[in-house]
Amino acid sequence: MPIIMAPVDQEVRIVRIIADEKTKKHLENLGITLNSTVTVLSVQSGGVILKVKDGRLALDASLSRKIFIA
Protein backbone atom coordinates (compact mmCIF):
# COMPACT_ATOMS: atom_id res chain seq x y z
CA MET A 1 0.00 0.00 0.00
CA PRO A 2 1.20 3.58 -0.54
CA ILE A 3 2.86 5.31 2.38
CA ILE A 4 0.03 7.88 2.54
CA MET A 5 -2.22 5.08 3.85
CA ALA A 6 0.20 4.03 6.61
CA PRO A 7 -0.90 4.23 10.24
CA VAL A 8 0.57 7.16 12.17
CA ASP A 9 3.31 6.48 14.77
CA GLN A 10 4.03 3.03 13.41
CA GLU A 11 7.29 1.83 11.91
CA VAL A 12 6.90 0.52 8.35
CA ARG A 13 9.24 -1.07 5.80
CA ILE A 14 9.62 0.32 2.29
CA VAL A 15 9.15 -2.42 -0.30
CA ARG A 16 8.80 -0.53 -3.60
CA ILE A 17 9.52 2.89 -5.07
CA ILE A 18 7.96 3.81 -8.40
CA ALA A 19 9.88 6.83 -9.70
CA ASP A 20 12.50 7.81 -12.23
CA GLU A 21 16.16 7.13 -11.48
CA LYS A 22 16.89 10.74 -10.51
CA THR A 23 14.12 10.73 -7.89
CA LYS A 24 15.15 7.30 -6.59
CA LYS A 25 18.73 8.51 -6.17
CA HIS A 26 17.53 11.64 -4.35
CA LEU A 27 15.39 9.56 -1.97
CA GLU A 28 18.30 7.20 -1.40
CA ASN A 29 20.49 10.16 -0.40
CA LEU A 30 17.79 11.14 2.11
CA GLY A 31 17.75 7.64 3.61
CA ILE A 32 14.66 6.24 1.90
CA THR A 33 15.76 2.97 0.28
CA LEU A 34 14.21 -0.42 -0.36
CA ASN A 35 13.85 -2.50 2.81
CA SER A 36 14.59 0.50 5.03
CA THR A 37 12.29 1.27 7.94
CA VAL A 38 10.66 4.65 8.56
CA THR A 39 8.09 5.92 11.03
CA VAL A 40 5.09 7.89 9.78
CA LEU A 41 4.67 10.91 12.04
CA SER A 42 1.84 12.70 10.24
CA VAL A 43 -0.41 12.43 7.18
CA GLN A 44 -2.21 15.58 6.02
CA SER A 45 -3.71 16.43 2.63
CA GLY A 46 -1.82 13.55 1.06
CA GLY A 47 1.53 14.84 2.32
CA VAL A 48 3.50 12.73 4.75
CA ILE A 49 6.04 13.56 7.45
CA LEU A 50 8.42 10.68 8.13
CA LYS A 51 11.05 9.94 10.73
CA VAL A 52 14.04 8.61 8.82
CA LYS A 53 16.89 7.51 11.06
CA ASP A 54 17.42 10.56 13.36
CA GLY A 55 15.73 13.19 11.19
CA ARG A 56 12.36 14.19 9.83
CA LEU A 57 11.41 14.39 6.18
CA ALA A 58 8.30 15.81 4.50
CA LEU A 59 7.05 14.32 1.24
CA ASP A 60 4.40 15.90 -0.96
CA ALA A 61 1.29 14.03 -2.09
CA SER A 62 2.58 13.05 -5.53
CA LEU A 63 5.82 11.55 -4.21
CA SER A 64 4.18 9.82 -1.25
CA ARG A 65 1.89 7.92 -3.66
CA LYS A 66 4.97 6.41 -5.33
CA ILE A 67 6.45 4.85 -2.18
CA PHE A 68 4.94 1.54 -1.13
CA ILE A 69 5.21 -0.11 2.27
CA ALA A 70 4.58 -3.49 3.89
PDB file of N, CA and C in Angstrom:
ATOM      1  N   MET A   1       0.840  -1.177   0.000  1.00  0.00           N
ATOM      2  CA  MET A   1       0.000   0.000   0.000  1.00  0.00           C
ATOM      3  C   MET A   1       0.886   1.241   0.000  1.00  0.00           C
ATOM      4  N   PRO A   2       0.398   2.354  -0.529  1.00  0.00           N
ATOM      5  CA  PRO A   2       1.195   3.583  -0.545  1.00  0.00           C
ATOM      6  C   PRO A   2       1.424   4.108   0.871  1.00  0.00           C
ATOM      7  N   ILE A   3       2.491   4.834   1.044  1.00  0.00           N
ATOM      8  CA  ILE A   3       2.856   5.315   2.383  1.00  0.00           C
ATOM      9  C   ILE A   3       1.833   6.316   2.925  1.00  0.00           C
ATOM     10  N   ILE A   4       1.042   6.935   2.055  1.00  0.00           N
ATOM     11  CA  ILE A   4       0.025   7.879   2.541  1.00  0.00           C
ATOM     12  C   ILE A   4      -1.097   7.169   3.288  1.00  0.00           C
ATOM     13  N   MET A   5      -1.188   5.857   3.158  1.00  0.00           N
ATOM     14  CA  MET A   5      -2.220   5.080   3.850  1.00  0.00           C
ATOM     15  C   MET A   5      -1.680   4.405   5.112  1.00  0.00           C
ATOM     16  N   ALA A   6      -0.434   4.678   5.453  1.00  0.00           N
ATOM     17  CA  ALA A   6       0.195   4.033   6.606  1.00  0.00           C
ATOM     18  C   ALA A   6      -0.369   4.585   7.911  1.00  0.00           C
ATOM     19  N   PRO A   7      -0.446   3.748   8.932  1.00  0.00           N
ATOM     20  CA  PRO A   7      -0.896   4.229  10.241  1.00  0.00           C
ATOM     21  C   PRO A   7       0.152   5.162  10.857  1.00  0.00           C
ATOM     22  N   VAL A   8      -0.324   6.177  11.547  1.00  0.00           N
ATOM     23  CA  VAL A   8       0.569   7.160  12.175  1.00  0.00           C
ATOM     24  C   VAL A   8       1.249   6.542  13.392  1.00  0.00           C
ATOM     25  N   ASP A   9       2.482   6.943  13.637  1.00  0.00           N
ATOM     26  CA  ASP A   9       3.305   6.482  14.767  1.00  0.00           C
ATOM     27  C   ASP A   9       3.604   4.995  14.731  1.00  0.00           C
ATOM     28  N   GLN A  10       3.682   4.447  13.541  1.00  0.00           N
ATOM     29  CA  GLN A  10       4.033   3.033  13.405  1.00  0.00           C
ATOM     30  C   GLN A  10       5.192   2.903  12.428  1.00  0.00           C
ATOM     31  N   GLU A  11       6.146   2.069  12.781  1.00  0.00           N
ATOM     32  CA  GLU A  11       7.294   1.834  11.910  1.00  0.00           C
ATOM     33  C   GLU A  11       6.875   0.913  10.766  1.00  0.00           C
ATOM     34  N   VAL A  12       7.252   1.301   9.541  1.00  0.00           N
ATOM     35  CA  VAL A  12       6.898   0.517   8.351  1.00  0.00           C
ATOM     36  C   VAL A  12       8.151   0.294   7.513  1.00  0.00           C
ATOM     37  N   ARG A  13       8.100  -0.729   6.658  1.00  0.00           N
ATOM     38  CA  ARG A  13       9.235  -1.072   5.800  1.00  0.00           C
ATOM     39  C   ARG A  13       8.893  -0.714   4.357  1.00  0.00           C
ATOM     40  N   ILE A  14       9.816  -0.067   3.691  1.00  0.00           N
ATOM     41  CA  ILE A  14       9.619   0.318   2.294  1.00  0.00           C
ATOM     42  C   ILE A  14       9.941  -0.874   1.406  1.00  0.00           C
ATOM     43  N   VAL A  15       8.971  -1.238   0.547  1.00  0.00           N
ATOM     44  CA  VAL A  15       9.146  -2.421  -0.299  1.00  0.00           C
ATOM     45  C   VAL A  15       9.228  -2.087  -1.787  1.00  0.00           C
ATOM     46  N   ARG A  16       8.779  -0.878  -2.178  1.00  0.00           N
ATOM     47  CA  ARG A  16       8.796  -0.533  -3.600  1.00  0.00           C
ATOM     48  C   ARG A  16       8.762   0.982  -3.768  1.00  0.00           C
ATOM     49  N   ILE A  17       9.537   1.475  -4.727  1.00  0.00           N
ATOM     50  CA  ILE A  17       9.524   2.892  -5.070  1.00  0.00           C
ATOM     51  C   ILE A  17       9.337   2.991  -6.573  1.00  0.00           C
ATOM     52  N   ILE A  18       8.248   3.645  -6.974  1.00  0.00           N
ATOM     53  CA  ILE A  18       7.959   3.810  -8.400  1.00  0.00           C
ATOM     54  C   ILE A  18       8.278   5.255  -8.775  1.00  0.00           C
ATOM     55  N   ALA A  19       9.451   5.480  -9.306  1.00  0.00           N
ATOM     56  CA  ALA A  19       9.875   6.826  -9.698  1.00  0.00           C
ATOM     57  C   ALA A  19      11.019   6.700 -10.698  1.00  0.00           C
ATOM     58  N   ASP A  20      11.369   7.832 -11.300  1.00  0.00           N
ATOM     59  CA  ASP A  20      12.497   7.810 -12.230  1.00  0.00           C
ATOM     60  C   ASP A  20      13.804   7.673 -11.438  1.00  0.00           C
ATOM     61  N   GLU A  21      14.872   7.396 -12.143  1.00  0.00           N
ATOM     62  CA  GLU A  21      16.161   7.132 -11.484  1.00  0.00           C
ATOM     63  C   GLU A  21      16.668   8.340 -10.694  1.00  0.00           C
ATOM     64  N   LYS A  22      16.438   9.531 -11.204  1.00  0.00           N
ATOM     65  CA  LYS A  22      16.893  10.741 -10.508  1.00  0.00           C
ATOM     66  C   LYS A  22      16.188  10.877  -9.156  1.00  0.00           C
ATOM     67  N   THR A  23      14.891  10.638  -9.135  1.00  0.00           N
ATOM     68  CA  THR A  23      14.123  10.728  -7.894  1.00  0.00           C
ATOM     69  C   THR A  23      14.517   9.623  -6.934  1.00  0.00           C
ATOM     70  N   LYS A  24      14.714   8.413  -7.447  1.00  0.00           N
ATOM     71  CA  LYS A  24      15.149   7.302  -6.588  1.00  0.00           C
ATOM     72  C   LYS A  24      16.491   7.606  -5.938  1.00  0.00           C
ATOM     73  N   LYS A  25      17.403   8.167  -6.698  1.00  0.00           N
ATOM     74  CA  LYS A  25      18.732   8.512  -6.170  1.00  0.00           C
ATOM     75  C   LYS A  25      18.606   9.585  -5.091  1.00  0.00           C
ATOM     76  N   HIS A  26      17.738  10.574  -5.330  1.00  0.00           N
ATOM     77  CA  HIS A  26      17.525  11.636  -4.348  1.00  0.00           C
ATOM     78  C   HIS A  26      16.955  11.062  -3.045  1.00  0.00           C
ATOM     79  N   LEU A  27      15.969  10.187  -3.157  1.00  0.00           N
ATOM     80  CA  LEU A  27      15.391   9.556  -1.972  1.00  0.00           C
ATOM     81  C   LEU A  27      16.419   8.699  -1.244  1.00  0.00           C
ATOM     82  N   GLU A  28      17.244   8.021  -2.007  1.00  0.00           N
ATOM     83  CA  GLU A  28      18.302   7.200  -1.403  1.00  0.00           C
ATOM     84  C   GLU A  28      19.260   8.067  -0.597  1.00  0.00           C
ATOM     85  N   ASN A  29      19.603   9.235  -1.126  1.00  0.00           N
ATOM     86  CA  ASN A  29      20.485  10.159  -0.399  1.00  0.00           C
ATOM     87  C   ASN A  29      19.844  10.670   0.887  1.00  0.00           C
ATOM     88  N   LEU A  30      18.518  10.704   0.914  1.00  0.00           N
ATOM     89  CA  LEU A  30      17.791  11.141   2.107  1.00  0.00           C
ATOM     90  C   LEU A  30      17.560  10.005   3.100  1.00  0.00           C
ATOM     91  N   GLY A  31      17.892   8.777   2.715  1.00  0.00           N
ATOM     92  CA  GLY A  31      17.750   7.637   3.610  1.00  0.00           C
ATOM     93  C   GLY A  31      16.548   6.762   3.332  1.00  0.00           C
ATOM     94  N   ILE A  32      15.820   7.045   2.253  1.00  0.00           N
ATOM     95  CA  ILE A  32      14.661   6.236   1.896  1.00  0.00           C
ATOM     96  C   ILE A  32      15.083   5.258   0.815  1.00  0.00           C
ATOM     97  N   THR A  33      15.319   4.020   1.208  1.00  0.00           N
ATOM     98  CA  THR A  33      15.756   2.974   0.283  1.00  0.00           C
ATOM     99  C   THR A  33      14.860   1.751   0.454  1.00  0.00           C
ATOM    100  N   LEU A  34      14.957   0.825  -0.484  1.00  0.00           N
ATOM    101  CA  LEU A  34      14.207  -0.424  -0.365  1.00  0.00           C
ATOM    102  C   LEU A  34      14.625  -1.153   0.902  1.00  0.00           C
ATOM    103  N   ASN A  35      13.672  -1.734   1.568  1.00  0.00           N
ATOM    104  CA  ASN A  35      13.851  -2.497   2.808  1.00  0.00           C
ATOM    105  C   ASN A  35      14.291  -1.659   4.006  1.00  0.00           C
ATOM    106  N   SER A  36      14.299  -0.337   3.869  1.00  0.00           N
ATOM    107  CA  SER A  36      14.593   0.495   5.029  1.00  0.00           C
ATOM    108  C   SER A  36      13.313   0.696   5.828  1.00  0.00           C
ATOM    109  N   THR A  37      13.454   1.037   7.097  1.00  0.00           N
ATOM    110  CA  THR A  37      12.286   1.272   7.935  1.00  0.00           C
ATOM    111  C   THR A  37      12.185   2.758   8.244  1.00  0.00           C
ATOM    112  N   VAL A  38      10.953   3.262   8.229  1.00  0.00           N
ATOM    113  CA  VAL A  38      10.658   4.655   8.559  1.00  0.00           C
ATOM    114  C   VAL A  38       9.437   4.666   9.473  1.00  0.00           C
ATOM    115  N   THR A  39       9.260   5.755  10.181  1.00  0.00           N
ATOM    116  CA  THR A  39       8.090   5.922  11.027  1.00  0.00           C
ATOM    117  C   THR A  39       7.269   7.075  10.480  1.00  0.00           C
ATOM    118  N   VAL A  40       5.991   6.846  10.268  1.00  0.00           N
ATOM    119  CA  VAL A  40       5.090   7.888   9.777  1.00  0.00           C
ATOM    120  C   VAL A  40       4.662   8.731  10.972  1.00  0.00           C
ATOM    121  N   LEU A  41       5.015  10.015  10.939  1.00  0.00           N
ATOM    122  CA  LEU A  41       4.672  10.910  12.041  1.00  0.00           C
ATOM    123  C   LEU A  41       3.349  11.637  11.811  1.00  0.00           C
ATOM    124  N   SER A  42       3.048  11.954  10.543  1.00  0.00           N
ATOM    125  CA  SER A  42       1.841  12.703  10.243  1.00  0.00           C
ATOM    126  C   SER A  42       1.444  12.497   8.796  1.00  0.00           C
ATOM    127  N   VAL A  43       0.135  12.487   8.547  1.00  0.00           N
ATOM    128  CA  VAL A  43      -0.406  12.432   7.185  1.00  0.00           C
ATOM    129  C   VAL A  43      -1.472  13.515   7.092  1.00  0.00           C
ATOM    130  N   GLN A  44      -1.253  14.496   6.199  1.00  0.00           N
ATOM    131  CA  GLN A  44      -2.213  15.580   6.023  1.00  0.00           C
ATOM    132  C   GLN A  44      -2.291  15.967   4.566  1.00  0.00           C
ATOM    133  N   SER A  45      -3.477  16.017   4.025  1.00  0.00           N
ATOM    134  CA  SER A  45      -3.715  16.428   2.627  1.00  0.00           C
ATOM    135  C   SER A  45      -2.876  15.629   1.637  1.00  0.00           C
ATOM    136  N   GLY A  46      -2.609  14.384   1.950  1.00  0.00           N
ATOM    137  CA  GLY A  46      -1.817  13.546   1.062  1.00  0.00           C
ATOM    138  C   GLY A  46      -0.334  13.659   1.297  1.00  0.00           C
ATOM    139  N   GLY A  47       0.119  14.696   1.971  1.00  0.00           N
ATOM    140  CA  GLY A  47       1.528  14.845   2.316  1.00  0.00           C
ATOM    141  C   GLY A  47       1.851  14.020   3.545  1.00  0.00           C
ATOM    142  N   VAL A  48       3.094  13.608   3.664  1.00  0.00           N
ATOM    143  CA  VAL A  48       3.500  12.730   4.755  1.00  0.00           C
ATOM    144  C   VAL A  48       4.760  13.279   5.403  1.00  0.00           C
ATOM    145  N   ILE A  49       4.814  13.237   6.722  1.00  0.00           N
ATOM    146  CA  ILE A  49       6.039  13.560   7.455  1.00  0.00           C
ATOM    147  C   ILE A  49       6.554  12.255   8.043  1.00  0.00           C
ATOM    148  N   LEU A  50       7.803  11.945   7.716  1.00  0.00           N
ATOM    149  CA  LEU A  50       8.420  10.683   8.135  1.00  0.00           C
ATOM    150  C   LEU A  50       9.578  10.935   9.080  1.00  0.00           C
ATOM    151  N   LYS A  51       9.813   9.971   9.946  1.00  0.00           N
ATOM    152  CA  LYS A  51      11.045   9.942  10.731  1.00  0.00           C
ATOM    153  C   LYS A  51      11.956   8.940  10.038  1.00  0.00           C
ATOM    154  N   VAL A  52      13.065   9.441   9.512  1.00  0.00           N
ATOM    155  CA  VAL A  52      14.040   8.608   8.816  1.00  0.00           C
ATOM    156  C   VAL A  52      15.343   8.694   9.606  1.00  0.00           C
ATOM    157  N   LYS A  53      15.730   7.572  10.177  1.00  0.00           N
ATOM    158  CA  LYS A  53      16.894   7.515  11.058  1.00  0.00           C
ATOM    159  C   LYS A  53      16.703   8.538  12.175  1.00  0.00           C
ATOM    160  N   ASP A  54      17.539   9.583  12.275  1.00  0.00           N
ATOM    161  CA  ASP A  54      17.423  10.557  13.361  1.00  0.00           C
ATOM    162  C   ASP A  54      16.780  11.861  12.917  1.00  0.00           C
ATOM    163  N   GLY A  55      16.296  11.938  11.692  1.00  0.00           N
ATOM    164  CA  GLY A  55      15.733  13.187  11.190  1.00  0.00           C
ATOM    165  C   GLY A  55      14.310  13.040  10.716  1.00  0.00           C
ATOM    166  N   ARG A  56      13.722  14.173  10.364  1.00  0.00           N
ATOM    167  CA  ARG A  56      12.363  14.195   9.829  1.00  0.00           C
ATOM    168  C   ARG A  56      12.412  14.620   8.370  1.00  0.00           C
ATOM    169  N   LEU A  57      11.456  14.115   7.613  1.00  0.00           N
ATOM    170  CA  LEU A  57      11.409  14.394   6.182  1.00  0.00           C
ATOM    171  C   LEU A  57       9.953  14.541   5.768  1.00  0.00           C
ATOM    172  N   ALA A  58       9.655  15.593   5.004  1.00  0.00           N
ATOM    173  CA  ALA A  58       8.299  15.812   4.504  1.00  0.00           C
ATOM    174  C   ALA A  58       8.257  15.457   3.023  1.00  0.00           C
ATOM    175  N   LEU A  59       7.254  14.689   2.642  1.00  0.00           N
ATOM    176  CA  LEU A  59       7.045  14.316   1.241  1.00  0.00           C
ATOM    177  C   LEU A  59       5.713  14.877   0.778  1.00  0.00           C
ATOM    178  N   ASP A  60       5.667  15.395  -0.435  1.00  0.00           N
ATOM    179  CA  ASP A  60       4.401  15.900  -0.956  1.00  0.00           C
ATOM    180  C   ASP A  60       3.510  14.736  -1.398  1.00  0.00           C
ATOM    181  N   ALA A  61       2.283  15.050  -1.759  1.00  0.00           N
ATOM    182  CA  ALA A  61       1.292  14.026  -2.085  1.00  0.00           C
ATOM    183  C   ALA A  61       1.706  13.179  -3.288  1.00  0.00           C
ATOM    184  N   SER A  62       2.244  13.810  -4.329  1.00  0.00           N
ATOM    185  CA  SER A  62       2.584  13.049  -5.531  1.00  0.00           C
ATOM    186  C   SER A  62       3.722  12.063  -5.278  1.00  0.00           C
ATOM    187  N   LEU A  63       4.698  12.457  -4.500  1.00  0.00           N
ATOM    188  CA  LEU A  63       5.816  11.554  -4.209  1.00  0.00           C
ATOM    189  C   LEU A  63       5.406  10.471  -3.210  1.00  0.00           C
ATOM    190  N   SER A  64       4.577  10.817  -2.253  1.00  0.00           N
ATOM    191  CA  SER A  64       4.184   9.824  -1.249  1.00  0.00           C
ATOM    192  C   SER A  64       3.306   8.723  -1.843  1.00  0.00           C
ATOM    193  N   ARG A  65       2.667   8.965  -2.984  1.00  0.00           N
ATOM    194  CA  ARG A  65       1.888   7.922  -3.656  1.00  0.00           C
ATOM    195  C   ARG A  65       2.786   6.938  -4.405  1.00  0.00           C
ATOM    196  N   LYS A  66       4.055   7.256  -4.587  1.00  0.00           N
ATOM    197  CA  LYS A  66       4.974   6.410  -5.332  1.00  0.00           C
ATOM    198  C   LYS A  66       5.821   5.514  -4.443  1.00  0.00           C
ATOM    199  N   ILE A  67       5.679   5.644  -3.138  1.00  0.00           N
ATOM    200  CA  ILE A  67       6.450   4.851  -2.179  1.00  0.00           C
ATOM    201  C   ILE A  67       5.500   3.864  -1.520  1.00  0.00           C
ATOM    202  N   PHE A  68       5.810   2.584  -1.650  1.00  0.00           N
ATOM    203  CA  PHE A  68       4.937   1.540  -1.128  1.00  0.00           C
ATOM    204  C   PHE A  68       5.581   0.857   0.073  1.00  0.00           C
ATOM    205  N   ILE A  69       4.739   0.481   1.017  1.00  0.00           N
ATOM    206  CA  ILE A  69       5.214  -0.108   2.269  1.00  0.00           C
ATOM    207  C   ILE A  69       4.578  -1.464   2.506  1.00  0.00           C
ATOM    208  N   ALA A  70       5.145  -2.191   3.469  1.00  0.00           N
ATOM    209  CA  ALA A  70       4.575  -3.488   3.886  1.00  0.00           C
ATOM    210  C   ALA A  70       4.168  -3.394   5.335  1.00  0.00           C
TER     211      ALA A  70
END
